[in-house]
Amino acid sequence: SLAILSLLLHESAVPAFELLDEALRLAPRLLILDWRLPERNLDYPAHLFIHLIERAAGRRHFRAFRSFIRQGGLEGLLHRYGLYRSQLDAGISVRGRTHLGAGSLLLMHVEKNDAEAL
């Protein structure tokens, strides 16, 4: 089975680790689509446009988005989450990543790699 989280982690009132835990409880594989950090100067114009869209969603939403980006976007979140899961002897593996939307979005395939998933 597979769970899909699309543009949820950067703005939810529920902490991202709780959302990921629950998604992995429901399915051992996840497809996650969310924002990434710009990697080059050429990425910044599109990223600034994204900031305008996120700002239009409201103050609380924009604060959550900015915090998400400051912490490394989707890759930063999954890195921290992987460290958290490995402390529980229940890690995750990133099986694939694809840049979308002028490179501002990142689609990642994540799998649980613990005894529960077998």
PDB file of N, CA and C in Angstrom:
ATOM      1  N   SER A   1       0.831  -1.188   0.000  1.00  0.00           N
ATOM      2  CA  SER A   1       0.000   0.000   0.000  1.00  0.00           C
ATOM      3  C   SER A   1       0.878   1.256   0.000  1.00  0.00           C
ATOM      4  N   LEU A   2       0.272   2.355  -0.370  1.00  0.00           N
ATOM      5  CA  LEU A   2       0.985   3.609  -0.575  1.00  0.00           C
ATOM      6  C   LEU A   2       0.143   4.758  -0.044  1.00  0.00           C
ATOM      7  N   ALA A   3       0.772   5.676   0.691  1.00  0.00           N
ATOM      8  CA  ALA A   3       0.101   6.908   1.133  1.00  0.00           C
ATOM      9  C   ALA A   3       0.724   8.077   0.369  1.00  0.00           C
ATOM     10  N   ILE A   4      -0.078   9.091   0.094  1.00  0.00           N
ATOM     11  CA  ILE A   4       0.391  10.274  -0.635  1.00  0.00           C
ATOM     12  C   ILE A   4       0.165  11.508   0.227  1.00  0.00           C
ATOM     13  N   LEU A   5       1.222  12.292   0.422  1.00  0.00           N
ATOM     14  CA  LEU A   5       1.148  13.564   1.138  1.00  0.00           C
ATOM     15  C   LEU A   5       1.535  14.645   0.150  1.00  0.00           C
ATOM     16  N   SER A   6       0.587  15.456  -0.237  1.00  0.00           N
ATOM     17  CA  SER A   6       0.828  16.467  -1.261  1.00  0.00           C
ATOM     18  C   SER A   6       0.666  17.870  -0.681  1.00  0.00           C
ATOM     19  N   LEU A   7       1.768  18.620  -0.616  1.00  0.00           N
ATOM     20  CA  LEU A   7       1.789  19.998  -0.133  1.00  0.00           C
ATOM     21  C   LEU A   7       1.099  20.143   1.223  1.00  0.00           C
ATOM     22  N   LEU A   8       1.344  19.184   2.091  1.00  0.00           N
ATOM     23  CA  LEU A   8       0.734  19.174   3.418  1.00  0.00           C
ATOM     24  C   LEU A   8       1.740  19.504   4.510  1.00  0.00           C
ATOM     25  N   LEU A   9       2.936  18.993   4.394  1.00  0.00           N
ATOM     26  CA  LEU A   9       3.892  19.069   5.495  1.00  0.00           C
ATOM     27  C   LEU A   9       4.344  20.485   5.820  1.00  0.00           C
ATOM     28  N   HIS A  10       4.338  21.375   4.848  1.00  0.00           N
ATOM     29  CA  HIS A  10       4.844  22.733   5.094  1.00  0.00           C
ATOM     30  C   HIS A  10       3.814  23.632   5.763  1.00  0.00           C
ATOM     31  N   GLU A  11       2.572  23.187   5.917  1.00  0.00           N
ATOM     32  CA  GLU A  11       1.569  24.109   6.429  1.00  0.00           C
ATOM     33  C   GLU A  11       0.617  23.535   7.460  1.00  0.00           C
ATOM     34  N   SER A  12       0.741  22.299   7.796  1.00  0.00           N
ATOM     35  CA  SER A  12      -0.213  21.676   8.699  1.00  0.00           C
ATOM     36  C   SER A  12      -0.015  22.142  10.144  1.00  0.00           C
ATOM     37  N   ALA A  13      -1.125  22.233  10.881  1.00  0.00           N
ATOM     38  CA  ALA A  13      -1.056  22.548  12.307  1.00  0.00           C
ATOM     39  C   ALA A  13      -0.534  21.342  13.093  1.00  0.00           C
ATOM     40  N   VAL A  14      -0.672  20.150  12.510  1.00  0.00           N
ATOM     41  CA  VAL A  14      -0.146  18.930  13.136  1.00  0.00           C
ATOM     42  C   VAL A  14       1.352  18.865  12.829  1.00  0.00           C
ATOM     43  N   PRO A  15       2.198  18.604  13.839  1.00  0.00           N
ATOM     44  CA  PRO A  15       3.642  18.518  13.573  1.00  0.00           C
ATOM     45  C   PRO A  15       3.961  17.489  12.479  1.00  0.00           C
ATOM     46  N   ALA A  16       4.927  17.830  11.648  1.00  0.00           N
ATOM     47  CA  ALA A  16       5.273  16.998  10.482  1.00  0.00           C
ATOM     48  C   ALA A  16       5.664  15.581  10.878  1.00  0.00           C
ATOM     49  N   PHE A  17       6.403  15.411  11.982  1.00  0.00           N
ATOM     50  CA  PHE A  17       6.799  14.061  12.386  1.00  0.00           C
ATOM     51  C   PHE A  17       5.563  13.215  12.709  1.00  0.00           C
ATOM     52  N   GLU A  18       4.556  13.822  13.323  1.00  0.00           N
ATOM     53  CA  GLU A  18       3.319  13.083  13.628  1.00  0.00           C
ATOM     54  C   GLU A  18       2.607  12.675  12.344  1.00  0.00           C
ATOM     55  N   LEU A  19       2.568  13.571  11.368  1.00  0.00           N
ATOM     56  CA  LEU A  19       1.940  13.238  10.081  1.00  0.00           C
ATOM     57  C   LEU A  19       2.684  12.098   9.391  1.00  0.00           C
ATOM     58  N   LEU A  20       4.006  12.162   9.396  1.00  0.00           N
ATOM     59  CA  LEU A  20       4.798  11.105   8.760  1.00  0.00           C
ATOM     60  C   LEU A  20       4.643   9.786   9.501  1.00  0.00           C
ATOM     61  N   ASP A  21       4.659   9.828  10.842  1.00  0.00           N
ATOM     62  CA  ASP A  21       4.446   8.601  11.622  1.00  0.00           C
ATOM     63  C   ASP A  21       3.110   7.956  11.275  1.00  0.00           C
ATOM     64  N   GLU A  22       2.060   8.773  11.224  1.00  0.00           N
ATOM     65  CA  GLU A  22       0.727   8.239  10.938  1.00  0.00           C
ATOM     66  C   GLU A  22       0.638   7.700   9.508  1.00  0.00           C
ATOM     67  N   ALA A  23       1.223   8.410   8.569  1.00  0.00           N
ATOM     68  CA  ALA A  23       1.215   7.940   7.179  1.00  0.00           C
ATOM     69  C   ALA A  23       1.950   6.604   7.057  1.00  0.00           C
ATOM     70  N   LEU A  24       3.087   6.471   7.741  1.00  0.00           N
ATOM     71  CA  LEU A  24       3.841   5.215   7.685  1.00  0.00           C
ATOM     72  C   LEU A  24       3.160   4.102   8.482  1.00  0.00           C
ATOM     73  N   ARG A  25       2.327   4.462   9.425  1.00  0.00           N
ATOM     74  CA  ARG A  25       1.542   3.452  10.135  1.00  0.00           C
ATOM     75  C   ARG A  25       0.486   2.874   9.188  1.00  0.00           C
ATOM     76  N   LEU A  26      -0.058   3.743   8.337  1.00  0.00           N
ATOM     77  CA  LEU A  26      -1.099   3.308   7.403  1.00  0.00           C
ATOM     78  C   LEU A  26      -0.540   2.569   6.189  1.00  0.00           C
ATOM     79  N   ALA A  27       0.643   2.960   5.747  1.00  0.00           N
ATOM     80  CA  ALA A  27       1.244   2.360   4.546  1.00  0.00           C
ATOM     81  C   ALA A  27       2.765   2.372   4.685  1.00  0.00           C
ATOM     82  N   PRO A  28       3.441   1.315   4.277  1.00  0.00           N
ATOM     83  CA  PRO A  28       4.903   1.278   4.401  1.00  0.00           C
ATOM     84  C   PRO A  28       5.630   2.132   3.359  1.00  0.00           C
ATOM     85  N   ARG A  29       4.893   2.640   2.368  1.00  0.00           N
ATOM     86  CA  ARG A  29       5.500   3.481   1.331  1.00  0.00           C
ATOM     87  C   ARG A  29       4.746   4.796   1.234  1.00  0.00           C
ATOM     88  N   LEU A  30       5.500   5.874   1.030  1.00  0.00           N
ATOM     89  CA  LEU A  30       4.917   7.205   0.899  1.00  0.00           C
ATOM     90  C   LEU A  30       5.412   7.872  -0.371  1.00  0.00           C
ATOM     91  N   LEU A  31       4.536   8.637  -0.997  1.00  0.00           N
ATOM     92  CA  LEU A  31       4.930   9.612  -2.012  1.00  0.00           C
ATOM     93  C   LEU A  31       4.670  10.967  -1.377  1.00  0.00           C
ATOM     94  N   ILE A  32       5.704  11.795  -1.300  1.00  0.00           N
ATOM     95  CA  ILE A  32       5.584  13.091  -0.643  1.00  0.00           C
ATOM     96  C   ILE A  32       5.948  14.176  -1.642  1.00  0.00           C
ATOM     97  N   LEU A  33       5.047  15.132  -1.801  1.00  0.00           N
ATOM     98  CA  LEU A  33       5.284  16.281  -2.667  1.00  0.00           C
ATOM     99  C   LEU A  33       5.256  17.525  -1.796  1.00  0.00           C
ATOM    100  N   ASP A  34       6.350  18.274  -1.806  1.00  0.00           N
ATOM    101  CA  ASP A  34       6.382  19.535  -1.067  1.00  0.00           C
ATOM    102  C   ASP A  34       7.538  20.378  -1.578  1.00  0.00           C
ATOM    103  N   TRP A  35       7.708  21.559  -0.975  1.00  0.00           N
ATOM    104  CA  TRP A  35       8.700  22.527  -1.445  1.00  0.00           C
ATOM    105  C   TRP A  35      10.107  22.115  -1.093  1.00  0.00           C
ATOM    106  N   ARG A  36      11.034  22.556  -1.930  1.00  0.00           N
ATOM    107  CA  ARG A  36      12.455  22.347  -1.674  1.00  0.00           C
ATOM    108  C   ARG A  36      13.149  23.703  -1.686  1.00  0.00           C
ATOM    109  N   LEU A  37      14.369  23.718  -1.232  1.00  0.00           N
ATOM    110  CA  LEU A  37      15.183  24.936  -1.259  1.00  0.00           C
ATOM    111  C   LEU A  37      15.713  25.180  -2.660  1.00  0.00           C
ATOM    112  N   PRO A  38      15.840  26.449  -3.064  1.00  0.00           N
ATOM    113  CA  PRO A  38      16.509  26.708  -4.339  1.00  0.00           C
ATOM    114  C   PRO A  38      17.977  26.286  -4.236  1.00  0.00           C
ATOM    115  N   GLU A  39      18.486  25.655  -5.270  1.00  0.00           N
ATOM    116  CA  GLU A  39      19.859  25.159  -5.238  1.00  0.00           C
ATOM    117  C   GLU A  39      20.848  26.078  -5.934  1.00  0.00           C
ATOM    118  N   ARG A  40      20.349  26.910  -6.853  1.00  0.00           N
ATOM    119  CA  ARG A  40      21.241  27.787  -7.607  1.00  0.00           C
ATOM    120  C   ARG A  40      20.600  29.156  -7.718  1.00  0.00           C
ATOM    121  N   ASN A  41      21.365  30.133  -8.074  1.00  0.00           N
ATOM    122  CA  ASN A  41      20.819  31.481  -8.248  1.00  0.00           C
ATOM    123  C   ASN A  41      19.702  31.508  -9.279  1.00  0.00           C
ATOM    124  N   LEU A  42      19.780  30.637 -10.292  1.00  0.00           N
ATOM    125  CA  LEU A  42      18.741  30.607 -11.323  1.00  0.00           C
ATOM    126  C   LEU A  42      17.406  30.103 -10.770  1.00  0.00           C
ATOM    127  N   ASP A  43      17.428  29.394  -9.642  1.00  0.00           N
ATOM    128  CA  ASP A  43      16.197  28.883  -9.041  1.00  0.00           C
ATOM    129  C   ASP A  43      15.438  29.956  -8.266  1.00  0.00           C
ATOM    130  N   TYR A  44      16.109  31.033  -7.881  1.00  0.00           N
ATOM    131  CA  TYR A  44      15.494  32.017  -7.000  1.00  0.00           C
ATOM    132  C   TYR A  44      14.289  32.750  -7.592  1.00  0.00           C
ATOM    133  N   PRO A  45      14.253  33.127  -8.875  1.00  0.00           N
ATOM    134  CA  PRO A  45      13.046  33.803  -9.380  1.00  0.00           C
ATOM    135  C   PRO A  45      11.779  32.970  -9.177  1.00  0.00           C
ATOM    136  N   ALA A  46      11.834  31.688  -9.482  1.00  0.00           N
ATOM    137  CA  ALA A  46      10.665  30.820  -9.269  1.00  0.00           C
ATOM    138  C   ALA A  46      10.358  30.711  -7.782  1.00  0.00           C
ATOM    139  N   HIS A  47      11.393  30.638  -6.965  1.00  0.00           N
ATOM    140  CA  HIS A  47      11.195  30.504  -5.528  1.00  0.00           C
ATOM    141  C   HIS A  47      10.539  31.764  -4.953  1.00  0.00           C
ATOM    142  N   LEU A  48      10.918  32.921  -5.438  1.00  0.00           N
ATOM    143  CA  LEU A  48      10.302  34.166  -4.976  1.00  0.00           C
ATOM    144  C   LEU A  48       8.827  34.210  -5.364  1.00  0.00           C
ATOM    145  N   PHE A  49       8.493  33.690  -6.534  1.00  0.00           N
ATOM    146  CA  PHE A  49       7.096  33.608  -6.958  1.00  0.00           C
ATOM    147  C   PHE A  49       6.313  32.713  -5.998  1.00  0.00           C
ATOM    148  N   ILE A  50       6.921  31.600  -5.589  1.00  0.00           N
ATOM    149  CA  ILE A  50       6.284  30.684  -4.636  1.00  0.00           C
ATOM    150  C   ILE A  50       6.022  31.415  -3.319  1.00  0.00           C
ATOM    151  N   HIS A  51       6.976  32.248  -2.892  1.00  0.00           N
ATOM    152  CA  HIS A  51       6.782  33.026  -1.665  1.00  0.00           C
ATOM    153  C   HIS A  51       5.530  33.903  -1.767  1.00  0.00           C
ATOM    154  N   LEU A  52       5.294  34.499  -2.912  1.00  0.00           N
ATOM    155  CA  LEU A  52       4.105  35.335  -3.091  1.00  0.00           C
ATOM    156  C   LEU A  52       2.823  34.509  -2.962  1.00  0.00           C
ATOM    157  N   ILE A  53       2.827  33.336  -3.550  1.00  0.00           N
ATOM    158  CA  ILE A  53       1.660  32.454  -3.459  1.00  0.00           C
ATOM    159  C   ILE A  53       1.427  32.033  -2.009  1.00  0.00           C
ATOM    160  N   GLU A  54       2.485  31.630  -1.330  1.00  0.00           N
ATOM    161  CA  GLU A  54       2.363  31.192   0.060  1.00  0.00           C
ATOM    162  C   GLU A  54       1.932  32.341   0.975  1.00  0.00           C
ATOM    163  N   ARG A  55       2.415  33.545   0.707  1.00  0.00           N
ATOM    164  CA  ARG A  55       2.027  34.718   1.506  1.00  0.00           C
ATOM    165  C   ARG A  55       0.527  34.994   1.352  1.00  0.00           C
ATOM    166  N   ALA A  56      -0.003  34.776   0.162  1.00  0.00           N
ATOM    167  CA  ALA A  56      -1.425  35.015  -0.092  1.00  0.00           C
ATOM    168  C   ALA A  56      -2.321  34.055   0.700  1.00  0.00           C
ATOM    169  N   ALA A  57      -1.766  32.950   1.164  1.00  0.00           N
ATOM    170  CA  ALA A  57      -2.547  31.966   1.917  1.00  0.00           C
ATOM    171  C   ALA A  57      -2.779  32.392   3.366  1.00  0.00           C
ATOM    172  N   GLY A  58      -2.185  33.489   3.779  1.00  0.00           N
ATOM    173  CA  GLY A  58      -2.408  33.990   5.141  1.00  0.00           C
ATOM    174  C   GLY A  58      -1.142  33.989   5.970  1.00  0.00           C
ATOM    175  N   ARG A  59      -1.176  34.792   7.015  1.00  0.00           N
ATOM    176  CA  ARG A  59       0.006  34.992   7.863  1.00  0.00           C
ATOM    177  C   ARG A  59       0.494  33.697   8.523  1.00  0.00           C
ATOM    178  N   ARG A  60      -0.419  32.957   9.157  1.00  0.00           N
ATOM    179  CA  ARG A  60      -0.015  31.720   9.842  1.00  0.00           C
ATOM    180  C   ARG A  60       0.564  30.712   8.844  1.00  0.00           C
ATOM    181  N   HIS A  61      -0.086  30.585   7.709  1.00  0.00           N
ATOM    182  CA  HIS A  61       0.396  29.669   6.673  1.00  0.00           C
ATOM    183  C   HIS A  61       1.791  30.084   6.195  1.00  0.00           C
ATOM    184  N   PHE A  62       1.979  31.367   5.946  1.00  0.00           N
ATOM    185  CA  PHE A  62       3.260  31.849   5.439  1.00  0.00           C
ATOM    186  C   PHE A  62       4.379  31.649   6.475  1.00  0.00           C
ATOM    187  N   ARG A  63       4.073  31.879   7.750  1.00  0.00           N
ATOM    188  CA  ARG A  63       5.082  31.632   8.803  1.00  0.00           C
ATOM    189  C   ARG A  63       5.499  30.160   8.807  1.00  0.00           C
ATOM    190  N   ALA A  64       4.529  29.269   8.692  1.00  0.00           N
ATOM    191  CA  ALA A  64       4.839  27.836   8.664  1.00  0.00           C
ATOM    192  C   ALA A  64       5.675  27.489   7.436  1.00  0.00           C
ATOM    193  N   PHE A  65       5.326  28.055   6.283  1.00  0.00           N
ATOM    194  CA  PHE A  65       6.085  27.828   5.054  1.00  0.00           C
ATOM    195  C   PHE A  65       7.534  28.302   5.220  1.00  0.00           C
ATOM    196  N   ARG A  66       7.713  29.511   5.728  1.00  0.00           N
ATOM    197  CA  ARG A  66       9.069  30.052   5.893  1.00  0.00           C
ATOM    198  C   ARG A  66       9.899  29.210   6.856  1.00  0.00           C
ATOM    199  N   SER A  67       9.297  28.755   7.925  1.00  0.00           N
ATOM    200  CA  SER A  67       9.993  27.888   8.874  1.00  0.00           C
ATOM    201  C   SER A  67      10.398  26.579   8.194  1.00  0.00           C
ATOM    202  N   PHE A  68       9.497  26.020   7.405  1.00  0.00           N
ATOM    203  CA  PHE A  68       9.763  24.782   6.667  1.00  0.00           C
ATOM    204  C   PHE A  68      10.960  24.970   5.731  1.00  0.00           C
ATOM    205  N   ILE A  69      10.991  26.075   5.002  1.00  0.00           N
ATOM    206  CA  ILE A  69      12.088  26.353   4.067  1.00  0.00           C
ATOM    207  C   ILE A  69      13.392  26.597   4.828  1.00  0.00           C
ATOM    208  N   ARG A  70      13.337  27.369   5.920  1.00  0.00           N
ATOM    209  CA  ARG A  70      14.562  27.638   6.712  1.00  0.00           C
ATOM    210  C   ARG A  70      15.175  26.353   7.250  1.00  0.00           C
ATOM    211  N   GLN A  71      14.335  25.349   7.486  1.00  0.00           N
ATOM    212  CA  GLN A  71      14.817  24.088   8.029  1.00  0.00           C
ATOM    213  C   GLN A  71      15.197  23.091   6.941  1.00  0.00           C
ATOM    214  N   GLY A  72      15.286  23.545   5.701  1.00  0.00           N
ATOM    215  CA  GLY A  72      15.778  22.691   4.625  1.00  0.00           C
ATOM    216  C   GLY A  72      14.730  22.143   3.704  1.00  0.00           C
ATOM    217  N   GLY A  73      13.487  22.631   3.793  1.00  0.00           N
ATOM    218  CA  GLY A  73      12.444  22.133   2.901  1.00  0.00           C
ATOM    219  C   GLY A  73      12.182  20.656   3.132  1.00  0.00           C
ATOM    220  N   LEU A  74      11.673  19.993   2.124  1.00  0.00           N
ATOM    221  CA  LEU A  74      11.316  18.582   2.247  1.00  0.00           C
ATOM    222  C   LEU A  74      12.529  17.708   2.557  1.00  0.00           C
ATOM    223  N   GLU A  75      13.654  17.949   1.898  1.00  0.00           N
ATOM    224  CA  GLU A  75      14.833  17.120   2.154  1.00  0.00           C
ATOM    225  C   GLU A  75      15.335  17.292   3.581  1.00  0.00           C
ATOM    226  N   GLY A  76      15.326  18.530   4.085  1.00  0.00           N
ATOM    227  CA  GLY A  76      15.742  18.770   5.467  1.00  0.00           C
ATOM    228  C   GLY A  76      14.832  18.067   6.456  1.00  0.00           C
ATOM    229  N   LEU A  77      13.529  18.136   6.195  1.00  0.00           N
ATOM    230  CA  LEU A  77      12.574  17.469   7.070  1.00  0.00           C
ATOM    231  C   LEU A  77      12.799  15.961   7.073  1.00  0.00           C
ATOM    232  N   LEU A  78      12.945  15.375   5.883  1.00  0.00           N
ATOM    233  CA  LEU A  78      13.137  13.921   5.823  1.00  0.00           C
ATOM    234  C   LEU A  78      14.467  13.499   6.424  1.00  0.00           C
ATOM    235  N   HIS A  79      15.483  14.347   6.340  1.00  0.00           N
ATOM    236  CA  HIS A  79      16.756  14.037   6.997  1.00  0.00           C
ATOM    237  C   HIS A  79      16.554  13.980   8.513  1.00  0.00           C
ATOM    238  N   ARG A  80      15.915  14.993   9.083  1.00  0.00           N
ATOM    239  CA  ARG A  80      15.671  15.011  10.528  1.00  0.00           C
ATOM    240  C   ARG A  80      14.760  13.861  10.947  1.00  0.00           C
ATOM    241  N   TYR A  81      13.756  13.574  10.128  1.00  0.00           N
ATOM    242  CA  TYR A  81      12.834  12.485  10.435  1.00  0.00           C
ATOM    243  C   TYR A  81      13.555  11.137  10.387  1.00  0.00           C
ATOM    244  N   GLY A  82      14.454  10.960   9.426  1.00  0.00           N
ATOM    245  CA  GLY A  82      15.239   9.720   9.354  1.00  0.00           C
ATOM    246  C   GLY A  82      16.093   9.525  10.594  1.00  0.00           C
ATOM    247  N   LEU A  83      16.690  10.601  11.108  1.00  0.00           N
ATOM    248  CA  LEU A  83      17.475  10.515  12.338  1.00  0.00           C
ATOM    249  C   LEU A  83      16.584  10.128  13.508  1.00  0.00           C
ATOM    250  N   TYR A  84      15.408  10.738  13.591  1.00  0.00           N
ATOM    251  CA  TYR A  84      14.443  10.428  14.649  1.00  0.00           C
ATOM    252  C   TYR A  84      14.024   8.964  14.574  1.00  0.00           C
ATOM    253  N   ARG A  85      13.682   8.489  13.364  1.00  0.00           N
ATOM    254  CA  ARG A  85      13.250   7.099  13.216  1.00  0.00           C
ATOM    255  C   ARG A  85      14.373   6.121  13.532  1.00  0.00           C
ATOM    256  N   SER A  86      15.606   6.457  13.175  1.00  0.00           N
ATOM    257  CA  SER A  86      16.707   5.528  13.444  1.00  0.00           C
ATOM    258  C   SER A  86      16.948   5.393  14.946  1.00  0.00           C
ATOM    259  N   GLN A  87      16.632   6.420  15.716  1.00  0.00           N
ATOM    260  CA  GLN A  87      16.733   6.318  17.178  1.00  0.00           C
ATOM    261  C   GLN A  87      15.709   5.327  17.720  1.00  0.00           C
ATOM    262  N   LEU A  88      14.642   5.099  16.968  1.00  0.00           N
ATOM    263  CA  LEU A  88      13.609   4.144  17.365  1.00  0.00           C
ATOM    264  C   LEU A  88      13.879   2.754  16.780  1.00  0.00           C
ATOM    265  N   ASP A  89      15.054   2.568  16.157  1.00  0.00           N
ATOM    266  CA  ASP A  89      15.384   1.332  15.441  1.00  0.00           C
ATOM    267  C   ASP A  89      14.359   1.024  14.355  1.00  0.00           C
ATOM    268  N   ALA A  90      13.878   2.053  13.704  1.00  0.00           N
ATOM    269  CA  ALA A  90      12.877   1.896  12.653  1.00  0.00           C
ATOM    270  C   ALA A  90      13.113   2.977  11.612  1.00  0.00           C
ATOM    271  N   GLY A  91      14.082   2.792  10.753  1.00  0.00           N
ATOM    272  CA  GLY A  91      14.477   3.834   9.814  1.00  0.00           C
ATOM    273  C   GLY A  91      13.587   3.942   8.585  1.00  0.00           C
ATOM    274  N   ILE A  92      13.948   4.909   7.748  1.00  0.00           N
ATOM    275  CA  ILE A  92      13.284   5.104   6.465  1.00  0.00           C
ATOM    276  C   ILE A  92      14.349   5.142   5.385  1.00  0.00           C
ATOM    277  N   SER A  93      13.950   4.857   4.172  1.00  0.00           N
ATOM    278  CA  SER A  93      14.837   4.947   3.017  1.00  0.00           C
ATOM    279  C   SER A  93      14.171   5.810   1.955  1.00  0.00           C
ATOM    280  N   VAL A  94      14.930   6.729   1.383  1.00  0.00           N
ATOM    281  CA  VAL A  94      14.440   7.516   0.266  1.00  0.00           C
ATOM    282  C   VAL A  94      14.774   6.729  -0.994  1.00  0.00           C
ATOM    283  N   ARG A  95      13.743   6.307  -1.726  1.00  0.00           N
ATOM    284  CA  ARG A  95      13.914   5.446  -2.894  1.00  0.00           C
ATOM    285  C   ARG A  95      14.007   6.218  -4.201  1.00  0.00           C
ATOM    286  N   GLY A  96      13.577   7.465  -4.179  1.00  0.00           N
ATOM    287  CA  GLY A  96      13.640   8.255  -5.397  1.00  0.00           C
ATOM    288  C   GLY A  96      13.245   9.687  -5.131  1.00  0.00           C
ATOM    289  N   ARG A  97      13.723  10.579  -6.008  1.00  0.00           N
ATOM    290  CA  ARG A  97      13.353  11.996  -5.905  1.00  0.00           C
ATOM    291  C   ARG A  97      13.276  12.575  -7.295  1.00  0.00           C
ATOM    292  N   THR A  98      12.273  13.417  -7.503  1.00  0.00           N
ATOM    293  CA  THR A  98      12.048  14.066  -8.790  1.00  0.00           C
ATOM    294  C   THR A  98      11.715  15.527  -8.542  1.00  0.00           C
ATOM    295  N   HIS A  99      12.393  16.419  -9.255  1.00  0.00           N
ATOM    296  CA  HIS A  99      12.109  17.856  -9.162  1.00  0.00           C
ATOM    297  C   HIS A  99      10.990  18.199 -10.137  1.00  0.00           C
ATOM    298  N   LEU A 100      10.010  18.958  -9.655  1.00  0.00           N
ATOM    299  CA  LEU A 100       8.857  19.351 -10.465  1.00  0.00           C
ATOM    300  C   LEU A 100       8.639  20.858 -10.355  1.00  0.00           C
ATOM    301  N   GLY A 101       7.766  21.389 -11.159  1.00  0.00           N
ATOM    302  CA  GLY A 101       7.358  22.788 -11.043  1.00  0.00           C
ATOM    303  C   GLY A 101       8.510  23.761 -11.082  1.00  0.00           C
ATOM    304  N   ALA A 102       9.254  23.781 -12.161  1.00  0.00           N
ATOM    305  CA  ALA A 102      10.440  24.644 -12.312  1.00  0.00           C
ATOM    306  C   ALA A 102      11.461  24.361 -11.219  1.00  0.00           C
ATOM    307  N   GLY A 103      11.449  23.135 -10.707  1.00  0.00           N
ATOM    308  CA  GLY A 103      12.437  22.739  -9.709  1.00  0.00           C
ATOM    309  C   GLY A 103      12.121  23.160  -8.298  1.00  0.00           C
ATOM    310  N   SER A 104      10.988  23.836  -8.075  1.00  0.00           N
ATOM    311  CA  SER A 104      10.650  24.306  -6.733  1.00  0.00           C
ATOM    312  C   SER A 104       9.960  23.236  -5.895  1.00  0.00           C
ATOM    313  N   LEU A 105       9.372  22.254  -6.559  1.00  0.00           N
ATOM    314  CA  LEU A 105       8.711  21.160  -5.860  1.00  0.00           C
ATOM    315  C   LEU A 105       9.578  19.915  -5.930  1.00  0.00           C
ATOM    316  N   LEU A 106       9.468  19.106  -4.898  1.00  0.00           N
ATOM    317  CA  LEU A 106      10.227  17.868  -4.854  1.00  0.00           C
ATOM    318  C   LEU A 106       9.262  16.734  -4.533  1.00  0.00           C
ATOM    319  N   LEU A 107       9.274  15.698  -5.363  1.00  0.00           N
ATOM    320  CA  LEU A 107       8.479  14.495  -5.148  1.00  0.00           C
ATOM    321  C   LEU A 107       9.444  13.418  -4.682  1.00  0.00           C
ATOM    322  N   MET A 108       9.193  12.872  -3.495  1.00  0.00           N
ATOM    323  CA  MET A 108      10.083  11.854  -2.948  1.00  0.00           C
ATOM    324  C   MET A 108       9.304  10.589  -2.623  1.00  0.00           C
ATOM    325  N   HIS A 109       9.921   9.452  -2.905  1.00  0.00           N
ATOM    326  CA  HIS A 109       9.369   8.141  -2.590  1.00  0.00           C
ATOM    327  C   HIS A 109      10.130   7.650  -1.367  1.00  0.00           C
ATOM    328  N   VAL A 110       9.412   7.438  -0.276  1.00  0.00           N
ATOM    329  CA  VAL A 110      10.010   7.045   1.003  1.00  0.00           C
ATOM    330  C   VAL A 110       9.423   5.711   1.417  1.00  0.00           C
ATOM    331  N   GLU A 111      10.279   4.841   1.974  1.00  0.00           N
ATOM    332  CA  GLU A 111       9.800   3.553   2.470  1.00  0.00           C
ATOM    333  C   GLU A 111      10.271   3.334   3.889  1.00  0.00           C
ATOM    334  N   LYS A 112       9.425   2.680   4.654  1.00  0.00           N
ATOM    335  CA  LYS A 112       9.763   2.274   6.006  1.00  0.00           C
ATOM    336  C   LYS A 112      10.653   1.042   5.894  1.00  0.00           C
ATOM    337  N   ASN A 113      11.744   0.997   6.623  1.00  0.00           N
ATOM    338  CA  ASN A 113      12.616  -0.180   6.554  1.00  0.00           C
ATOM    339  C   ASN A 113      12.865  -0.734   7.951  1.00  0.00           C
ATOM    340  N   ASP A 114      11.782  -1.165   8.567  1.00  0.00           N
ATOM    341  CA  ASP A 114      11.882  -1.807   9.871  1.00  0.00           C
ATOM    342  C   ASP A 114      11.162  -3.142   9.837  1.00  0.00           C
ATOM    343  N   ALA A 115      11.145  -3.836  10.955  1.00  0.00           N
ATOM    344  CA  ALA A 115      10.533  -5.170  10.998  1.00  0.00           C
ATOM    345  C   ALA A 115       9.045  -5.124  10.670  1.00  0.00           C
ATOM    346  N   GLU A 116       8.356  -4.027  11.031  1.00  0.00           N
ATOM    347  CA  GLU A 116       6.922  -3.910  10.748  1.00  0.00           C
ATOM    348  C   GLU A 116       6.638  -3.978   9.244  1.00  0.00           C
ATOM    349  N   ALA A 117       7.544  -3.439   8.443  1.00  0.00           N
ATOM    350  CA  ALA A 117       7.296  -3.337   6.998  1.00  0.00           C
ATOM    351  C   ALA A 117       7.480  -4.655   6.278  1.00  0.00           C
ATOM    352  N   LEU A 118       8.118  -5.613   6.909  1.00  0.00           N
ATOM    353  CA  LEU A 118       8.403  -6.886   6.245  1.00  0.00           C
ATOM    354  C   LEU A 118       7.223  -7.818   6.246  1.00  0.00           C
TER     355      LEU A 118
END
